[in-house]
Amino acid sequence: MQDGTSTRFICETPGIRLDAAVAEKVGCSRSHAQNLIEDGLVTVNGAEVFKAGQKLKNADVVDVFDPAPKELSLEPQDIPIDIIWQGDDFAVVNKPQGMVVHPAPGAYDGTLVNALLYRLDSLSGINGVVRPGIVHRLDKDTSGLLVVAKNDFAHTSLQKQIAEKSAKRYYYALVDGTVEKDCGEIRNFLARSVTDRKKYAVSRDGRLAITLYNVVKRYCGYTLVEYELKTGRTHQIRVHSRYIGHPVVGDKTYGGSNKFGLQGQLLHAYKLVLTHPRSGEEMTFTAPLPDYFEKVLESLKPMNGQK
C-alpha cells in the first residue's frame, strides 16, 4: 500500500467549500488541498470528488489520502543553462524548450534544478529540497524566462510580487488561425480536467485565471500573439488559447497544429518585469525568440501585405 496519511472527518459546517474543509481538517494549505482534490485523493460519502469548490452538506463524510512525499536525492549536474543575469539575491534564467523545471515522476534528473545546483552558489529553501529556488514555473515544452531565488528573503519578496501581480510576465505565442480582435482579456476559471487528469479545462469550480492578449502580427493561417499573465495557473495560456479557438502551434495536448516538425509548442516567455527585493529598483529582462521559433515565422506569409 502507498505510504501516506489518511484523514476522515464529518462535516459540521454546511455550505463550506470542500477545499477549505480539507485544508482545515488536514492542517495544510488551501492550494495543497486543491491539489489533493484534483488528483482524486478526496472522497465525499465514498465517491471521488474532483471539484474543489463543491459545497459540503451537514454530516457528509470526507476521506482524504495525502501521499507521503517521495524521497529524492538531488544531485548538481553540469548542464549548460543560459543565465542572463545574476546578483546576490536572485538570478534570471532563459529555460530551453524540453527541460523540466524541477524533479517529478518520470524526470528525476536532468532538470533545471539539477543545473542550478551546479551553477549557482546558493538557492532558497522555502520550496523544500525538490524545488530549491523555484519561485514560478514553465511547462517542459515552453521556453523562456524564470526568476530563481538565491535566499529565502528574496524568494518571499519575489513570490509576493507574483501573487500581488506587481511582477509582470509576457509571452509570445504563435497560434492557429486569425485572431480577429487586436487585443482582449480572457477571464474564467481553470481546473484539472475530469476526463483527462493530465490536462486542464475551463470549469466554474476552478481557480480564477486572467490572461491579456495583443495581436503582434497576422500571417496566412496563423497569428503571433503577445500574452500577459495576470494569474499563473497551470497551462493557463495554452488552455486560454484553445478556449478562444486558437490553440498554440505545436501544442499536441490542446489541439495545436504541427506542420513544422516541432518538438513542443511555440510559446516563449520573452519578458519579465520585477522589483529588486532589496533596492526596490524596477528591473526588466528579455530573452529573444529561440531559433526554431524564428525559422517558423520566417517561413510564413504575412496577411494582407503586412511586413
Protein backbone atom coordinates (compact mmCIF):
# COMPACT_ATOMS: atom_id res chain seq x y z
CA MET A 1 0.00 0.00 0.00
CA GLN A 2 1.23 3.51 -0.80
CA ASP A 3 2.69 5.38 2.17
CA GLY A 4 0.87 8.45 3.38
CA THR A 5 -1.71 9.68 5.85
CA SER A 6 -5.47 9.15 5.84
CA THR A 7 -7.91 11.56 7.43
CA ARG A 8 -11.66 11.13 7.90
CA PHE A 9 -13.96 13.85 9.15
CA ILE A 10 -17.66 14.59 9.24
CA CYS A 11 -18.86 17.96 8.03
CA GLU A 12 -20.35 20.09 10.78
CA THR A 13 -20.38 23.33 8.76
CA PRO A 14 -22.96 23.05 5.98
CA GLY A 15 -22.09 25.11 2.90
CA ILE A 16 -18.33 25.12 3.45
CA ARG A 17 -16.19 24.58 0.36
CA LEU A 18 -14.56 21.17 0.14
CA ASP A 19 -11.04 22.59 -0.26
CA ALA A 20 -11.48 24.86 2.76
CA ALA A 21 -12.73 21.96 4.89
CA VAL A 22 -9.88 19.68 3.81
CA ALA A 23 -7.28 22.38 4.49
CA GLU A 24 -8.70 22.97 7.97
CA LYS A 25 -9.04 19.31 8.98
CA VAL A 26 -5.81 18.04 7.44
CA GLY A 27 -3.81 21.09 8.51
CA CYS A 28 -2.46 22.00 5.08
CA SER A 29 -2.62 24.98 2.73
CA ARG A 30 -5.68 25.61 0.56
CA SER A 31 -3.59 25.05 -2.59
CA HIS A 32 -2.37 21.67 -1.32
CA ALA A 33 -5.95 20.70 -0.52
CA GLN A 34 -6.99 21.67 -4.05
CA ASN A 35 -4.21 19.54 -5.49
CA LEU A 36 -5.34 16.53 -3.43
CA ILE A 37 -8.90 17.00 -4.68
CA GLU A 38 -7.81 17.42 -8.30
CA ASP A 39 -5.72 14.24 -8.04
CA GLY A 40 -8.75 12.20 -6.92
CA LEU A 41 -7.46 11.68 -3.40
CA VAL A 42 -10.57 13.01 -1.66
CA THR A 43 -13.94 11.28 -1.40
CA VAL A 44 -17.26 12.53 -0.08
CA ASN A 45 -19.58 9.81 1.20
CA GLY A 46 -17.41 7.25 -0.59
CA ALA A 47 -17.49 8.92 -4.01
CA GLU A 48 -14.48 10.58 -5.65
CA VAL A 49 -14.85 14.34 -5.99
CA PHE A 50 -12.72 16.49 -8.28
CA LYS A 51 -14.36 19.88 -7.67
CA ALA A 52 -12.57 21.91 -5.01
CA GLY A 53 -15.48 24.34 -4.80
CA GLN A 54 -18.13 21.71 -4.03
CA LYS A 55 -20.21 22.74 -1.03
CA LEU A 56 -20.48 20.19 1.74
CA LYS A 57 -23.70 19.24 3.48
CA ASN A 58 -24.19 18.54 7.16
CA ALA A 59 -22.90 15.07 8.14
CA ASP A 60 -21.09 14.49 4.83
CA VAL A 61 -18.26 12.02 5.44
CA VAL A 62 -14.99 13.15 3.87
CA ASP A 63 -11.95 10.91 3.44
CA VAL A 64 -8.59 12.37 2.48
CA PHE A 65 -5.46 10.48 1.49
CA ASP A 66 -2.26 12.52 1.49
CA PRO A 67 0.60 10.52 -0.06
CA ALA A 68 3.98 10.71 1.59
CA PRO A 69 6.42 12.78 -0.47
CA LYS A 70 8.92 10.77 -2.46
CA GLU A 71 12.44 10.86 -1.11
CA LEU A 72 14.57 12.36 -3.83
CA SER A 73 18.29 12.78 -3.87
CA LEU A 74 19.07 15.90 -5.88
CA GLU A 75 22.49 15.99 -7.41
CA PRO A 76 24.16 19.01 -9.03
CA GLN A 77 24.64 18.29 -12.73
CA ASP A 78 26.91 20.08 -15.20
CA ILE A 79 24.15 21.01 -17.62
CA PRO A 80 24.63 24.18 -19.69
CA ILE A 81 21.95 26.80 -18.99
CA ASP A 82 21.56 30.40 -20.11
CA ILE A 83 21.83 32.61 -17.01
CA ILE A 84 21.08 36.06 -18.40
CA TRP A 85 21.51 37.94 -15.10
CA GLN A 86 22.70 37.10 -11.60
CA GLY A 87 23.06 39.00 -8.34
CA ASP A 88 23.39 38.16 -4.66
CA ASP A 89 19.63 37.62 -4.21
CA PHE A 90 18.34 36.09 -7.42
CA ALA A 91 19.14 35.02 -10.95
CA VAL A 92 17.16 35.10 -14.19
CA VAL A 93 17.42 32.07 -16.45
CA ASN A 94 16.34 31.54 -20.05
CA LYS A 95 14.99 27.98 -19.91
CA PRO A 96 15.19 25.97 -23.13
CA GLN A 97 12.26 24.05 -24.57
CA GLY A 98 12.28 20.41 -23.44
CA MET A 99 13.78 20.98 -19.99
CA VAL A 100 11.72 20.14 -16.89
CA VAL A 101 11.98 22.79 -14.18
CA HIS A 102 12.20 20.52 -11.12
CA PRO A 103 12.23 16.77 -10.40
CA ALA A 104 8.90 14.98 -10.67
CA PRO A 105 7.74 11.45 -11.51
CA GLY A 106 9.40 10.47 -14.77
CA ALA A 107 12.02 13.21 -14.58
CA TYR A 108 14.25 12.81 -11.54
CA ASP A 109 17.39 14.32 -13.07
CA GLY A 110 18.44 16.49 -15.97
CA THR A 111 16.14 19.23 -14.69
CA LEU A 112 16.72 22.95 -14.36
CA VAL A 113 17.10 22.49 -10.59
CA ASN A 114 19.92 19.99 -11.13
CA ALA A 115 21.66 22.55 -13.35
CA LEU A 116 21.06 25.39 -10.87
CA LEU A 117 22.58 23.39 -8.02
CA TYR A 118 25.75 23.12 -10.10
CA ARG A 119 25.83 26.67 -11.49
CA LEU A 120 24.71 28.85 -8.56
CA ASP A 121 26.37 29.29 -5.19
CA SER A 122 23.07 29.20 -3.25
CA LEU A 123 19.34 28.63 -3.64
CA SER A 124 16.42 29.49 -1.37
CA GLY A 125 14.95 26.67 0.71
CA ILE A 126 11.33 27.79 1.02
CA ASN A 127 10.08 25.25 -1.52
CA GLY A 128 11.96 22.36 0.08
CA VAL A 129 14.60 20.01 -1.26
CA VAL A 130 12.81 19.20 -4.53
CA ARG A 131 12.25 22.77 -5.74
CA PRO A 132 15.03 24.92 -4.23
CA GLY A 133 14.99 28.46 -5.59
CA ILE A 134 11.93 27.94 -7.79
CA VAL A 135 9.59 30.92 -7.48
CA HIS A 136 7.43 30.13 -10.53
CA ARG A 137 7.49 27.52 -13.28
CA LEU A 138 7.26 27.00 -17.02
CA ASP A 139 5.92 23.88 -18.73
CA LYS A 140 8.55 21.48 -20.06
CA ASP A 141 7.98 22.49 -23.68
CA THR A 142 7.63 26.22 -23.00
CA SER A 143 10.84 28.22 -23.27
CA GLY A 144 11.86 31.50 -21.71
CA LEU A 145 12.49 33.50 -18.57
CA LEU A 146 12.33 32.26 -15.00
CA VAL A 147 13.44 34.08 -11.85
CA VAL A 148 15.31 31.92 -9.34
CA ALA A 149 15.70 32.99 -5.69
CA LYS A 150 19.09 32.54 -4.05
CA ASN A 151 17.87 33.10 -0.48
CA ASP A 152 14.61 33.00 1.45
CA PHE A 153 14.36 36.78 1.78
CA ALA A 154 14.40 37.21 -1.98
CA HIS A 155 12.09 34.24 -2.50
CA THR A 156 9.43 35.71 -0.21
CA SER A 157 9.60 39.09 -1.95
CA LEU A 158 9.51 37.69 -5.49
CA GLN A 159 6.71 35.27 -4.68
CA LYS A 160 4.68 38.13 -3.17
CA GLN A 161 5.23 40.24 -6.31
CA ILE A 162 3.84 37.45 -8.47
CA ALA A 163 0.91 36.83 -6.13
CA GLU A 164 0.04 40.54 -5.99
CA LYS A 165 0.56 40.94 -9.77
CA SER A 166 3.18 43.66 -9.43
CA ALA A 167 5.61 41.39 -11.28
CA LYS A 168 4.73 41.19 -14.97
CA ARG A 169 5.24 38.20 -17.25
CA TYR A 170 4.91 38.42 -21.03
CA TYR A 171 4.91 35.63 -23.62
CA TYR A 172 4.96 35.30 -27.38
CA ALA A 173 2.87 32.53 -28.92
CA LEU A 174 2.14 31.56 -32.48
CA VAL A 175 -1.44 30.36 -32.59
CA ASP A 176 -3.56 28.68 -35.23
CA GLY A 177 -5.95 30.78 -37.29
CA THR A 178 -6.62 34.50 -37.45
CA VAL A 179 -7.29 36.24 -34.15
CA GLU A 180 -9.81 38.91 -35.14
CA LYS A 181 -9.63 41.34 -32.22
CA ASP A 182 -6.40 43.28 -31.82
CA CYS A 183 -6.47 42.90 -28.06
CA GLY A 184 -8.60 41.49 -25.29
CA GLU A 185 -8.88 39.80 -21.92
CA ILE A 186 -9.62 36.14 -21.25
CA ARG A 187 -11.12 35.62 -17.80
CA ASN A 188 -12.56 32.38 -16.48
CA PHE A 189 -11.86 29.56 -14.03
CA LEU A 190 -9.49 26.64 -14.67
CA ALA A 191 -9.35 23.22 -13.03
CA ARG A 192 -7.90 19.83 -13.80
CA SER A 193 -9.94 18.07 -16.47
CA VAL A 194 -12.28 15.38 -15.14
CA THR A 195 -11.81 13.33 -18.33
CA ASP A 196 -8.01 13.59 -18.63
CA ARG A 197 -6.12 14.27 -15.40
CA LYS A 198 -3.04 15.48 -17.29
CA LYS A 199 -4.98 18.36 -18.82
CA TYR A 200 -6.72 21.46 -17.53
CA ALA A 201 -10.04 22.90 -18.63
CA VAL A 202 -12.41 25.79 -18.05
CA SER A 203 -14.56 24.98 -15.02
CA ARG A 204 -16.82 27.00 -12.75
CA ASP A 205 -15.25 25.16 -9.81
CA GLY A 206 -11.69 26.03 -10.77
CA ARG A 207 -9.33 28.86 -9.87
CA LEU A 208 -9.62 32.31 -11.41
CA ALA A 209 -7.40 32.71 -14.48
CA ILE A 210 -6.85 36.02 -16.29
CA THR A 211 -4.80 36.47 -19.45
CA LEU A 212 -4.43 39.65 -21.54
CA TYR A 213 -3.53 39.43 -25.22
CA ASN A 214 -2.36 41.69 -28.03
CA VAL A 215 -2.03 40.68 -31.67
CA VAL A 216 1.54 41.30 -32.83
CA LYS A 217 1.24 40.14 -36.45
CA ARG A 218 -1.19 38.16 -38.57
CA TYR A 219 0.03 35.57 -41.04
CA CYS A 220 -1.88 33.44 -43.51
CA GLY A 221 -3.38 30.79 -41.24
CA TYR A 222 -1.59 31.91 -38.07
CA THR A 223 -1.30 34.81 -35.62
CA LEU A 224 1.62 35.92 -33.49
CA VAL A 225 0.21 36.98 -30.12
CA GLU A 226 1.67 38.62 -27.05
CA TYR A 227 0.15 37.29 -23.82
CA GLU A 228 0.43 38.85 -20.38
CA LEU A 229 -0.29 36.65 -17.39
CA LYS A 230 -2.33 38.28 -14.65
CA THR A 231 -2.59 34.94 -12.81
CA GLY A 232 -0.34 31.90 -13.09
CA ARG A 233 -2.44 28.75 -13.37
CA THR A 234 -1.04 25.51 -14.76
CA HIS A 235 -1.20 25.50 -18.59
CA GLN A 236 -3.05 28.84 -18.42
CA ILE A 237 -2.01 30.35 -21.76
CA ARG A 238 -2.34 27.03 -23.56
CA VAL A 239 -5.86 26.43 -22.22
CA HIS A 240 -6.93 30.02 -22.85
CA SER A 241 -5.61 29.89 -26.41
CA ARG A 242 -7.71 26.84 -27.09
CA TYR A 243 -10.67 28.42 -25.32
CA ILE A 244 -10.75 31.32 -27.79
CA GLY A 245 -10.43 28.89 -30.70
CA HIS A 246 -6.75 29.48 -31.45
CA PRO A 247 -4.56 26.78 -29.86
CA VAL A 248 -0.81 27.32 -29.70
CA VAL A 249 1.01 25.85 -32.69
CA GLY A 250 2.79 22.63 -31.74
CA ASP A 251 0.71 22.06 -28.61
CA LYS A 252 -0.47 18.50 -29.11
CA THR A 253 -2.12 18.40 -25.67
CA TYR A 254 -4.57 21.18 -26.51
CA GLY A 255 -5.08 20.64 -30.22
CA GLY A 256 -2.43 22.87 -31.79
CA SER A 257 -1.34 22.08 -35.34
CA ASN A 258 2.17 20.92 -36.13
CA LYS A 259 3.23 21.24 -39.75
CA PHE A 260 6.77 22.30 -38.89
CA GLY A 261 8.25 19.22 -37.18
CA LEU A 262 8.18 20.93 -33.79
CA GLN A 263 9.18 19.25 -30.52
CA GLY A 264 6.72 21.32 -28.50
CA GLN A 265 4.52 24.39 -28.53
CA LEU A 266 5.64 27.76 -29.90
CA LEU A 267 5.27 29.55 -26.57
CA HIS A 268 8.11 31.66 -25.20
CA ALA A 269 8.30 33.75 -22.01
CA TYR A 270 10.16 36.68 -23.51
CA LYS A 271 9.87 39.45 -20.91
CA LEU A 272 9.88 39.64 -17.12
CA VAL A 273 9.43 42.82 -15.09
CA LEU A 274 10.04 42.76 -11.34
CA THR A 275 11.26 44.81 -8.41
CA HIS A 276 14.61 44.09 -6.79
CA PRO A 277 13.88 42.63 -3.32
CA ARG A 278 16.37 44.91 -1.53
CA SER A 279 16.88 48.06 -3.61
CA GLY A 280 13.28 48.45 -4.81
CA GLU A 281 14.57 49.09 -8.35
CA GLU A 282 12.27 48.01 -11.18
CA MET A 283 14.13 45.62 -13.45
CA THR A 284 13.18 44.36 -16.91
CA PHE A 285 14.64 41.25 -18.51
CA THR A 286 14.08 39.99 -22.05
CA ALA A 287 15.01 36.87 -23.99
CA PRO A 288 14.88 36.63 -27.81
CA LEU A 289 12.75 34.04 -29.56
CA PRO A 290 14.51 30.68 -29.96
CA ASP A 291 15.92 29.92 -33.42
CA TYR A 292 13.27 27.28 -34.19
CA PHE A 293 10.52 29.80 -33.40
CA GLU A 294 12.12 32.45 -35.64
CA LYS A 295 12.51 29.97 -38.51
CA VAL A 296 8.80 29.14 -38.42
CA LEU A 297 7.89 32.84 -38.52
CA GLU A 298 10.25 33.42 -41.45
CA SER A 299 8.54 30.62 -43.37
CA LEU A 300 5.08 32.17 -43.03
CA LYS A 301 3.39 34.58 -45.42
CA PRO A 302 2.18 37.81 -43.79
CA MET A 303 -1.53 38.53 -44.21
CA ASN A 304 -2.66 41.42 -46.39
CA GLY A 305 0.80 42.64 -47.23
CA GLN A 306 1.96 43.14 -43.65
CA LYS A 307 5.72 43.44 -43.29
